[in-house]
Every structure is written in structure tokens, then in C-alpha cells.
C-alpha atoms as a PDB file:
ATOM      1  CA  MET A   1     100.616   4.599  53.291  1.00  0.00           C
ATOM      2  CA  GLU A   2     101.528   0.951  53.979  1.00  0.00           C
ATOM      3  CA  ALA A   3      98.778  -0.338  51.699  1.00  0.00           C
ATOM      4  CA  LYS A   4     100.274   1.575  48.780  1.00  0.00           C
ATOM      5  CA  GLY A   5     103.681   0.003  49.385  1.00  0.00           C
ATOM      6  CA  TYR A   6     102.105  -3.443  49.594  1.00  0.00           C
ATOM      7  CA  ILE A   7     100.287  -2.953  46.286  1.00  0.00           C
ATOM      8  CA  GLU A   8     103.490  -1.745  44.627  1.00  0.00           C
ATOM      9  CA  ARG A   9     105.339  -4.874  45.817  1.00  0.00           C
ATOM     10  CA  ILE A  10     102.546  -7.082  44.492  1.00  0.00           C
ATOM     11  CA  ASP A  11     102.758  -5.293  41.127  1.00  0.00           C
ATOM     12  CA  VAL A  12     106.527  -5.821  40.964  1.00  0.00           C
ATOM     13  CA  MET A  13     106.101  -9.499  41.863  1.00  0.00           C
ATOM     14  CA  PHE A  14     103.391  -9.901  39.217  1.00  0.00           C
ATOM     15  CA  TRP A  15     105.481  -8.376  36.439  1.00  0.00           C
ATOM     16  CA  THR A  16     108.500 -10.424  37.513  1.00  0.00           C
ATOM     17  CA  ILE A  17     106.492 -13.647  37.267  1.00  0.00           C
ATOM     18  CA  ILE A  18     105.097 -12.679  33.852  1.00  0.00           C
ATOM     19  CA  GLY A  19     108.586 -11.753  32.648  1.00  0.00           C
ATOM     20  CA  LEU A  20     110.090 -15.034  33.836  1.00  0.00           C
ATOM     21  CA  ILE A  21     107.335 -17.115  32.251  1.00  0.00           C
ATOM     22  CA  LEU A  22     107.762 -15.286  28.945  1.00  0.00           C
ATOM     23  CA  LEU A  23     111.558 -15.630  29.149  1.00  0.00           C
ATOM     24  CA  PHE A  24     111.317 -19.380  29.795  1.00  0.00           C
ATOM     25  CA  TRP A  25     108.849 -19.697  26.929  1.00  0.00           C
ATOM     26  CA  PHE A  26     111.134 -17.820  24.552  1.00  0.00           C
ATOM     27  CA  VAL A  27     114.247 -19.804  25.533  1.00  0.00           C
ATOM     28  CA  GLY A  28     112.332 -23.066  25.248  1.00  0.00           C
ATOM     29  CA  LEU A  29     110.983 -22.065  21.861  1.00  0.00           C
ATOM     30  CA  ILE A  30     114.451 -21.253  20.549  1.00  0.00           C
ATOM     31  CA  LEU A  31     116.136 -24.344  22.005  1.00  0.00           C
ATOM     32  CA  ASP A  32     113.146 -26.632  21.330  1.00  0.00           C
ATOM     33  CA  ILE A  33     113.160 -27.921  24.898  1.00  0.00           C
ATOM     34  CA  ILE A  34     110.160 -29.619  26.491  1.00  0.00           C
ATOM     35  CA  GLY A  35     107.966 -29.405  23.386  1.00  0.00           C
ATOM     36  CA  LYS A  36     104.315 -28.575  24.109  1.00  0.00           C
ATOM     37  CA  LEU A  37     104.993 -27.419  27.680  1.00  0.00           C
ATOM     38  CA  ILE A  38     106.531 -24.244  26.268  1.00  0.00           C
ATOM     39  CA  HIS A  39     103.217 -23.253  24.722  1.00  0.00           C
ATOM     40  CA  ILE A  40     101.417 -23.991  27.984  1.00  0.00           C
ATOM     41  CA  LEU A  41     103.759 -21.507  29.711  1.00  0.00           C
ATOM     42  CA  LEU A  42     102.814 -18.852  27.173  1.00  0.00           C
ATOM     43  CA  LEU A  43      99.135 -19.578  27.700  1.00  0.00           C
ATOM     44  CA  VAL A  44      99.558 -19.296  31.488  1.00  0.00           C
ATOM     45  CA  ALA A  45     101.348 -15.957  31.097  1.00  0.00           C
ATOM     46  CA  ILE A  46      98.593 -14.597  28.855  1.00  0.00           C
ATOM     47  CA  VAL A  47      95.815 -15.753  31.208  1.00  0.00           C
ATOM     48  CA  ILE A  48      97.545 -14.171  34.209  1.00  0.00           C
ATOM     49  CA  LEU A  49      98.092 -10.955  32.263  1.00  0.00           C
ATOM     50  CA  VAL A  50      94.451 -10.742  31.157  1.00  0.00           C
ATOM     51  CA  PHE A  51      93.266 -11.435  34.717  1.00  0.00           C
ATOM     52  CA  ARG A  52      95.564  -8.732  36.076  1.00  0.00           C
ATOM     53  CA  ILE A  53      94.471  -6.166  33.488  1.00  0.00           C
ATOM     54  CA  GLY A  54      90.833  -6.936  34.342  1.00  0.00           C
ATOM     55  CA  ARG A  55      91.486  -6.298  38.028  1.00  0.00           C
ATOM     56  CA  TRP A  56      93.413  -3.121  37.195  1.00  0.00           C
ATOM     57  CA  ILE A  57      90.533  -1.763  35.100  1.00  0.00           C
ATOM     58  CA  SER A  58      87.942  -2.621  37.768  1.00  0.00           C
ATOM     59  CA  ARG A  59      89.903  -0.618  40.380  1.00  0.00           C
ATOM     60  CA  LYS A  60      89.571   2.600  38.384  1.00  0.00           C
END
């Protein structure tokens, strides 16, 4: 039972991190702050998302 709760907290943390990275990317894109770093944030978010989806598929 505790393992399920732990996994759910990890999932919430993961989606929060992805959401924040995408939010920062979007705000930076609109306000043209930091230049190329904004696109690096998007790339990081996509890599993390792909890695997470791969782990999710391998669990099934």
C-alpha cells in the first residue's frame, strides 16, 4: 500500500516539474528573456517526458 502512495507522489512531482519547465519556457518565449536558454528548457522537458513515457510503457 505504501509503495503505491510513493509512486503517486513521484508522478505528481514529475508532472509538476514538467509543467514548470514548460511554463518557464513559454513565459521566456513571450518575453524574449534569456534567448537560447529558453529552447534548452523545452528540450530538457521533452527529454524528461520521453524518458518517463518509456519507463511507464516498460512497467506494463
